[in-house]
Protein backbone atom coordinates (compact mmCIF):
# COMPACT_ATOMS: atom_id res chain seq x y z
CA MET A 1 28.73 2.89 3.53
CA ASN A 2 32.30 1.85 4.16
CA PHE A 3 32.90 1.04 8.17
CA ILE A 4 36.03 1.50 9.78
CA LEU A 5 37.51 0.39 13.40
CA PHE A 6 39.83 2.75 14.79
CA ASP A 7 42.02 2.15 18.02
CA GLY A 8 41.23 4.71 20.00
CA PRO A 9 42.06 6.52 23.47
CA ARG A 10 41.98 2.61 25.14
CA ARG A 11 44.83 1.21 23.01
CA ASN A 12 47.56 1.74 25.33
CA HIS A 13 45.71 0.68 27.92
CA LEU A 14 45.40 -2.73 26.20
CA LEU A 15 49.32 -2.87 25.52
CA PRO A 16 50.94 -5.35 25.13
CA PHE A 17 48.69 -7.15 23.36
CA THR A 18 48.50 -3.61 20.93
CA PHE A 19 52.10 -3.52 20.52
CA THR A 20 51.49 -6.39 17.34
CA ARG A 21 47.72 -5.76 16.41
CA PRO A 22 45.12 -3.21 16.32
CA VAL A 23 42.91 -3.24 18.50
CA SER A 24 40.19 -4.86 16.63
CA GLU A 25 42.14 -8.14 16.43
CA ILE A 26 42.38 -8.76 20.09
CA ARG A 27 39.96 -11.72 20.68
CA VAL A 28 37.37 -12.07 23.36
CA GLY A 29 34.59 -14.70 23.49
CA ILE A 30 34.80 -16.70 20.57
CA LEU A 31 35.49 -13.51 17.60
CA THR A 32 38.25 -11.13 17.18
CA LEU A 33 36.60 -7.39 17.52
CA ARG A 34 36.90 -7.12 13.89
CA GLU A 35 35.19 -10.69 13.65
CA ARG A 36 32.10 -9.71 15.62
CA TRP A 37 31.33 -6.17 14.25
CA GLU A 38 31.86 -7.67 10.53
CA ALA A 39 29.27 -10.74 11.89
CA TYR A 40 26.93 -7.87 13.06
CA LEU A 41 27.37 -5.76 10.42
CA LYS A 42 27.25 -8.46 7.35
CA ASP A 43 29.89 -6.47 5.87
CA SER A 44 33.88 -6.31 5.93
CA VAL A 45 35.65 -3.97 7.49
CA SER A 46 39.15 -2.72 8.35
CA SER A 47 41.14 -1.18 11.08
CA LEU A 48 42.66 2.51 11.50
CA THR A 49 46.10 1.96 13.70
CA GLU A 50 49.00 3.05 14.29
CA ASP A 51 51.69 3.19 11.10
CA TYR A 52 53.96 0.62 11.90
CA LEU A 53 50.83 -1.88 12.05
CA SER A 54 49.33 -0.98 8.76
CA ILE A 55 51.09 -2.37 6.15
CA LYS A 56 50.16 -5.98 7.78
CA TYR A 57 46.43 -4.28 8.59
CA PRO A 58 45.90 -1.80 6.10
CA VAL A 59 42.75 0.65 6.31
CA ASN A 60 39.96 0.85 3.26
CA ILE A 61 39.00 4.82 3.09
CA LYS A 62 36.43 5.79 0.83
CA ASP A 63 34.57 8.81 0.52
CA GLU A 64 31.42 7.91 2.99
CA ASN A 65 32.61 6.10 6.14
CA ILE A 66 31.57 5.53 9.41
CA PHE A 67 34.44 5.06 11.88
CA ILE A 68 34.54 2.75 15.12
CA ASP A 69 36.11 2.48 18.27
CA ALA A 70 37.42 -0.81 18.23
CA SER A 71 36.93 -1.08 21.91
CA VAL A 72 33.37 -1.17 21.75
CA LEU A 73 31.90 -4.45 21.07
CA PRO A 74 28.19 -4.29 19.12
CA ASN A 75 25.05 -5.22 20.30
CA ASP A 76 21.67 -4.96 18.48
CA ASP A 77 20.66 -1.18 19.64
CA LEU A 78 24.19 -0.20 18.91
CA LEU A 79 24.35 -2.03 15.65
CA LYS A 80 21.10 0.34 15.04
CA ALA A 81 22.91 3.60 15.87
CA VAL A 82 25.63 3.39 14.35
CA LYS A 83 24.12 2.64 10.71
CA SER A 84 21.74 5.42 11.11
CA LEU A 85 24.96 8.19 11.62
CA ASN A 86 25.02 10.50 8.65
CA SER A 87 28.11 12.45 7.28
CA GLY A 88 29.34 15.23 10.07
CA GLU A 89 27.79 13.50 12.93
CA VAL A 90 29.11 11.85 15.67
CA LEU A 91 27.51 8.81 18.00
CA ARG A 92 28.29 9.37 21.89
CA LEU A 93 28.06 8.57 25.11
CA GLY A 94 29.13 11.05 27.48
CA ASP A 95 32.84 11.74 26.97
CA LEU A 96 33.42 8.92 24.36
CA THR A 97 33.35 8.65 20.97
CA ILE A 98 31.51 5.67 19.66
CA ALA A 99 31.69 5.91 16.57
CA TYR A 100 31.65 9.34 13.66
CA SER A 101 30.48 9.48 10.17
CA SER A 102 32.83 11.20 7.57
CA ASP A 103 35.02 11.02 4.56
CA SER A 104 38.42 10.80 6.38
CA ALA A 105 39.82 9.71 9.80
CA LYS A 106 39.46 12.56 12.70
CA SER A 107 40.73 13.86 15.55
CA ASP A 108 38.96 14.75 19.11
CA ASP A 109 39.16 18.54 18.25
CA GLU A 110 38.39 18.41 14.85
CA LEU A 111 34.89 16.32 16.06
CA THR A 112 33.98 19.05 18.18
CA SER A 113 32.11 20.40 14.61
CA PHE A 114 30.30 17.09 14.14
CA LYS A 115 26.14 16.71 14.93
CA ILE A 116 26.26 15.00 18.79
CA ALA A 117 23.76 12.13 18.75
CA GLU A 118 23.90 10.61 22.07
CA PHE A 119 23.76 7.01 23.57
CA ALA A 120 20.92 6.05 25.38
CA GLY A 121 21.89 2.11 25.77
CA GLU A 122 24.55 -0.26 27.19
CA PHE A 123 27.20 -1.97 25.66
CA VAL A 124 30.14 -3.73 26.43
CA GLN A 125 33.95 -2.13 26.02
CA LEU A 126 37.36 -3.01 26.82
CA ASN A 127 39.32 -0.52 28.37
CA ASN A 128 41.90 -2.68 29.77
CA THR A 129 44.35 -5.62 29.45
CA TRP A 130 42.30 -7.73 32.35
CA ASP A 131 38.84 -6.73 31.02
CA ILE A 132 39.50 -9.37 27.80
CA PHE A 133 39.45 -12.08 30.99
CA ASP A 134 37.15 -10.50 32.93
CA LYS A 135 34.57 -10.24 30.91
CA ASN A 136 34.99 -13.22 28.84
CA PRO A 137 31.80 -15.06 30.77
CA ASP A 138 29.29 -12.99 29.16
CA ILE A 139 30.74 -12.45 26.05
CA LEU A 140 31.17 -15.60 25.43
CA GLN A 141 27.80 -16.55 26.06
CA SER A 142 26.48 -13.86 23.36
CA ASP A 143 28.56 -14.74 20.66
CA PHE A 144 27.52 -18.42 21.59
CA ASP A 145 23.99 -17.32 20.93
CA PHE A 146 24.52 -15.14 18.03
CA ILE A 147 26.53 -17.58 16.18
CA THR A 148 24.18 -20.88 16.83
CA LYS A 149 21.36 -19.12 16.68
CA GLY A 150 18.70 -21.26 14.04
CA ARG A 151 21.83 -23.42 13.47
CA LYS A 152 22.48 -27.62 14.59
CA SER A 153 25.40 -28.88 16.15
CA GLN A 154 27.39 -31.70 14.63
CA PRO A 155 26.77 -34.89 16.51
CA ILE A 156 28.53 -35.30 19.34
CA SER A 157 29.91 -39.24 20.12
CA GLU A 158 28.66 -41.51 22.37
CA THR A 159 31.86 -42.39 24.41
CA ASN A 160 31.33 -38.76 25.83
CA GLN A 161 29.59 -37.32 29.19
CA LEU A 162 27.40 -34.60 28.47
CA ILE A 163 25.48 -32.25 30.78
CA HIS A 164 23.64 -29.88 29.43
CA PRO A 165 24.39 -30.90 25.92
CA GLU A 166 21.86 -28.66 24.55
CA ARG A 167 24.52 -25.75 25.33
CA ILE A 168 27.09 -27.75 23.35
CA PHE A 169 28.01 -26.51 19.66
CA LEU A 170 30.03 -28.30 17.45
CA GLU A 171 31.07 -27.36 14.09
CA GLU A 172 32.42 -29.08 11.08
CA GLY A 173 35.19 -31.42 11.62
CA ALA A 174 34.91 -30.94 15.27
CA LYS A 175 36.35 -34.20 17.44
CA VAL A 176 35.97 -35.01 20.92
CA GLU A 177 35.93 -38.84 22.47
CA PHE A 178 36.18 -40.19 26.44
CA SER A 179 35.54 -36.63 27.54
CA MET A 180 32.72 -34.93 30.54
CA LEU A 181 31.32 -31.90 28.87
CA ASN A 182 29.48 -29.89 31.53
CA ALA A 183 27.52 -26.88 30.56
CA THR A 184 26.01 -25.99 33.19
CA ASP A 185 27.57 -22.85 34.12
CA GLY A 186 27.99 -21.94 30.45
CA PRO A 187 28.55 -23.32 26.86
CA ILE A 188 30.90 -24.99 25.20
CA TYR A 189 31.88 -24.56 21.70
CA LEU A 190 34.30 -26.52 19.67
CA GLY A 191 34.98 -24.53 16.37
CA LYS A 192 35.97 -26.37 12.77
CA ASN A 193 38.30 -29.08 13.06
CA SER A 194 39.29 -28.70 16.88
CA GLU A 195 39.55 -31.36 19.06
CA ILE A 196 39.26 -32.51 22.29
CA TRP A 197 41.27 -35.53 23.21
CA GLU A 198 40.34 -38.16 25.68
CA GLY A 199 40.51 -38.07 29.46
CA SER A 200 39.79 -34.16 29.26
CA LEU A 201 37.28 -32.34 31.82
CA VAL A 202 35.51 -29.05 30.65
CA ARG A 203 32.96 -27.23 32.64
CA GLY A 204 31.90 -24.19 30.91
CA ALA A 205 31.81 -21.71 29.15
CA LEU A 206 34.25 -22.52 26.70
CA ALA A 207 35.33 -21.69 23.07
CA LEU A 208 37.85 -24.05 21.71
CA CYS A 209 38.00 -21.91 18.06
CA ASN A 210 39.28 -23.56 14.55
CA ASN A 211 41.85 -26.14 14.81
CA ALA A 212 42.77 -25.61 18.28
CA ILE A 213 43.43 -28.66 20.50
CA ILE A 214 42.87 -29.67 24.01
CA LYS A 215 45.38 -32.53 24.44
CA MET A 216 44.95 -35.63 26.72
CA GLY A 217 43.36 -34.73 30.46
CA GLY A 218 43.28 -31.34 30.24
CA LYS A 219 41.19 -29.68 32.68
CA LEU A 220 39.27 -26.46 31.54
CA TYR A 221 36.78 -24.23 33.58
CA GLY A 222 35.69 -20.69 34.22
CA ALA A 223 35.17 -18.47 31.12
CA THR A 224 37.99 -20.14 28.61
CA THR A 225 39.06 -18.86 25.45
CA ILE A 226 41.81 -21.20 23.07
CA GLY A 227 42.22 -19.23 19.88
CA PRO A 228 43.04 -20.89 16.42
CA TYR A 229 45.40 -23.36 16.14
CA SER A 230 46.71 -23.31 19.86
CA LYS A 231 47.16 -26.33 22.32
CA VAL A 232 46.65 -26.62 25.88
CA CYS A 233 46.74 -29.11 28.42
CA GLY A 234 47.04 -29.14 32.18
CA GLU A 235 44.61 -26.71 34.31
CA VAL A 236 43.53 -23.47 32.78
CA SER A 237 40.60 -21.05 34.68
CA ASN A 238 38.94 -17.88 33.05
CA SER A 239 41.98 -17.06 30.30
CA VAL A 240 41.80 -16.04 26.74
CA ILE A 241 44.61 -17.43 24.46
CA PHE A 242 44.24 -15.82 21.09
CA GLY A 243 45.96 -18.00 18.53
CA TYR A 244 49.07 -20.15 18.01
CA SER A 245 50.01 -20.44 21.64
CA SER A 246 50.83 -23.18 23.13
CA LYS A 247 50.39 -24.78 26.53
CA GLY A 248 50.67 -28.20 26.02
CA HIS A 249 52.08 -29.49 29.28
CA GLU A 250 50.86 -29.57 33.30
CA GLY A 251 50.39 -26.47 35.02
CA TYR A 252 48.31 -23.70 36.16
CA LEU A 253 47.10 -21.00 33.68
CA GLY A 254 44.35 -18.73 35.85
CA ASN A 255 42.55 -15.27 35.23
CA ALA A 256 45.41 -14.64 32.39
CA VAL A 257 45.70 -13.34 28.60
CA LEU A 258 48.08 -15.22 26.13
CA GLY A 259 48.92 -13.78 22.72
CA GLU A 260 49.91 -15.51 19.84
CA TRP A 261 53.15 -17.49 19.01
CA CYS A 262 53.87 -17.96 23.36
CA ASN A 263 55.04 -20.97 24.49
CA ILE A 264 54.54 -22.15 28.04
CA GLY A 265 56.86 -24.50 29.37
CA ALA A 266 55.81 -27.70 31.43
CA ASP A 267 54.77 -27.17 34.86
CA SER A 268 54.85 -23.30 34.34
CA ASN A 269 52.12 -22.22 36.65
CA ASN A 270 50.98 -18.26 37.58
CA SER A 271 49.29 -17.18 40.84
CA ASN A 272 45.48 -15.51 40.09
CA LEU A 273 45.29 -14.99 44.06
CA LYS A 274 47.23 -12.78 46.28
CA ASN A 275 48.10 -14.72 49.78
CA ASN A 276 46.48 -11.48 51.79
CA TYR A 277 43.06 -11.89 49.56
CA ALA A 278 44.14 -8.23 48.24
CA LYS A 279 42.65 -6.32 45.30
CA VAL A 280 45.29 -7.06 42.41
CA ARG A 281 47.51 -3.98 40.97
CA LEU A 282 48.60 -4.77 37.43
CA TRP A 283 51.03 -2.78 35.21
CA ASP A 284 49.71 -0.27 32.83
CA TYR A 285 51.55 1.00 29.69
CA ALA A 286 49.31 4.25 29.41
CA THR A 287 50.30 5.80 33.02
CA GLU A 288 53.64 3.43 33.16
CA ARG A 289 52.71 2.68 36.71
CA PHE A 290 50.45 -0.05 38.61
CA GLU A 291 47.14 0.53 38.47
CA GLN A 292 44.43 -1.07 41.03
CA THR A 293 42.43 -3.53 38.62
CA GLY A 294 39.81 -3.94 41.45
CA LEU A 295 40.14 -8.00 41.23
CA GLN A 296 40.62 -10.26 43.93
CA PHE A 297 42.04 -12.44 40.87
CA CYS A 298 44.11 -11.75 38.28
CA GLY A 299 46.92 -13.68 36.93
CA LEU A 300 49.06 -13.11 33.96
CA MET A 301 49.74 -11.11 30.59
CA MET A 302 52.04 -12.29 28.17
CA GLY A 303 52.26 -10.39 25.08
CA ASP A 304 53.15 -12.39 21.42
CA HIS A 305 55.87 -14.60 21.00
CA SER A 306 57.10 -14.46 24.71
CA LYS A 307 57.89 -18.51 26.33
CA THR A 308 58.89 -19.76 29.30
CA ALA A 309 60.98 -22.75 30.31
CA ILE A 310 60.04 -25.78 32.22
CA ASN A 311 58.89 -24.96 35.81
CA THR A 312 58.59 -21.05 35.29
CA MET A 313 56.37 -19.42 38.02
CA PHE A 314 54.64 -16.01 38.09
CA ASN A 315 53.44 -13.79 41.10
CA THR A 316 49.89 -12.58 41.03
CA GLY A 317 49.36 -9.85 37.94
CA THR A 318 52.19 -10.10 36.15
CA VAL A 319 52.88 -8.39 32.65
CA ILE A 320 55.34 -9.92 30.31
CA GLY A 321 55.70 -7.45 26.90
CA VAL A 322 56.29 -9.20 23.74
CA ASN A 323 59.39 -11.71 22.75
CA SER A 324 60.54 -12.50 25.97
CA ASN A 325 61.91 -15.35 27.07
CA ILE A 326 61.57 -16.26 30.87
CA TYR A 327 63.84 -19.20 31.81
CA VAL A 328 65.94 -19.42 35.34
CA PRO A 329 64.43 -20.59 38.62
CA GLY A 330 62.28 -18.15 40.83
CA PHE A 331 59.46 -15.45 40.51
CA PRO A 332 60.60 -12.69 37.95
CA ARG A 333 59.45 -9.27 39.06
CA ASN A 334 55.52 -8.57 38.33
CA PHE A 335 56.54 -6.21 35.03
CA VAL A 336 58.94 -7.76 32.00
CA PRO A 337 59.59 -5.25 29.17
CA SER A 338 59.45 -6.76 25.68
CA PHE A 339 62.49 -8.21 24.28
CA SER A 340 63.95 -9.46 27.68
CA TRP A 341 65.90 -12.66 28.30
CA GLY A 342 66.28 -14.37 32.19
CA GLY A 343 64.25 -14.61 34.64
CA ALA A 344 64.23 -13.71 38.65
CA SER A 345 68.03 -13.46 38.96
CA GLY A 346 68.16 -10.62 36.10
CA PHE A 347 67.42 -9.93 32.36
CA THR A 348 69.29 -8.91 29.37
CA ALA A 349 67.85 -7.77 26.16
CA TYR A 350 66.80 -10.35 23.63
CA GLN A 351 68.17 -9.39 20.54
CA PRO A 352 65.90 -9.29 17.19
CA ALA A 353 67.91 -11.04 15.60
CA LYS A 354 67.56 -14.21 17.61
CA ALA A 355 64.33 -13.54 18.60
CA PHE A 356 63.59 -13.40 14.94
CA ASP A 357 65.47 -16.93 13.94
CA ALA A 358 62.78 -18.27 17.12
CA ALA A 359 59.92 -16.86 15.60
CA LYS A 360 60.79 -18.47 11.61
CA VAL A 361 61.26 -22.01 13.18
CA MET A 362 57.96 -21.85 15.46
CA MET A 363 55.64 -20.28 12.90
CA ALA A 364 56.98 -22.74 10.05
CA ARG A 365 55.63 -25.67 11.97
CA ARG A 366 52.16 -23.98 11.84
CA GLY A 367 52.46 -22.92 8.28
CA VAL A 368 53.06 -19.66 8.67
CA GLU A 369 55.85 -17.18 7.18
CA PHE A 370 57.86 -15.31 9.36
CA ASN A 371 58.29 -12.15 6.45
CA GLU A 372 59.71 -8.65 6.34
CA VAL A 373 56.37 -7.71 7.41
CA GLU A 374 56.45 -9.09 10.77
CA ALA A 375 60.09 -8.75 11.33
CA ASP A 376 59.66 -4.74 10.65
CA ILE A 377 56.32 -4.87 12.88
CA LEU A 378 58.96 -6.52 15.71
CA THR A 379 61.68 -4.39 15.15
CA HIS A 380 59.40 -1.20 15.99
CA VAL A 381 58.34 -2.81 19.17
CA PHE A 382 62.21 -3.27 20.16
CA GLU A 383 63.13 0.19 19.89
CA ILE A 384 59.64 1.81 21.38
CA THR A 385 60.10 -0.22 24.28
CA LYS A 386 63.68 0.37 24.90
CA LYS A 387 63.11 2.71 27.92
CA TRP A 388 61.21 -0.04 30.19
CA ARG A 389 64.55 -2.32 29.54
CA LYS A 390 67.31 -0.86 32.16
CA TYR A 391 69.84 -3.71 30.21
């Protein structure tokens, strides 16, 4: 059987992160949604996504396929139900299409003729951007248990102070020296060739993914994921960084999500709690209005390639689009469209040619080429986000 993850109805609620990737490439816990399904299925999967993303993320459709909503995370019961689907059957929970078996992709109307199999179990789903950090504690714990089951950690240097070392796992090449690791509230996972530099304080849960770095004196706590090749320092709480991004200096990042190729300037901070302790509202691209998250703590959502200057400040519940550059004093408004340049005193459009020049240099520093495929995706994002830019 051939497995395909489709974006599904939650795709627009997960913008700005899905402007530049399929839903399946969102990272939460230790793994991306695709990597997690591949690990459970013990098979490769492809992604059915927007046309402009499909060159970078091609779909592989065969004669017999099972299409799975990428926003749904696997577990043993769900895996069994998905794999048991026969051609012409759809797995549902209420109005949600979890998966269906078909020779081709189908619309909701076309699925009405399929035989329905009702799923009675439980599973985790990413419905909104804030779910990425809010559900990270349970997902990270589940990933840790799944990945480390029956395996032995690499040795941990005796220069460190450890609390609950049985819940700390180092992959091959991971390094940590003269730091404090406390796994009381959650596991600590260090991916291949990741590093924690001297003087860092880590209180789990933490996923430090392959080749990521916590610089000297980092303070991390509250179910935080640092994606591959990212660098962090300062204070980070209950946040998810997808990969290749830098928050390399002092400053606070809390209850936040950063995409790839972001850079947070020194001493930049986000608020994650309103002064009146009210529940936080957050911009939702699907409804084009601020929606109630139901959360008291909610910080910053930042799309790929966005950056801040030193001493930048963000209000509680701020959404920054793709390729925006925030650099002037004061709090910018709490929704900044993609390709914006400026800050509290106003914005202008950040033209793609200039944005691409910066991306080429930043990506080259990590040995990654900014090619025509990347340029075409970002050009398309520039065009489809014009309606939110009033400049």
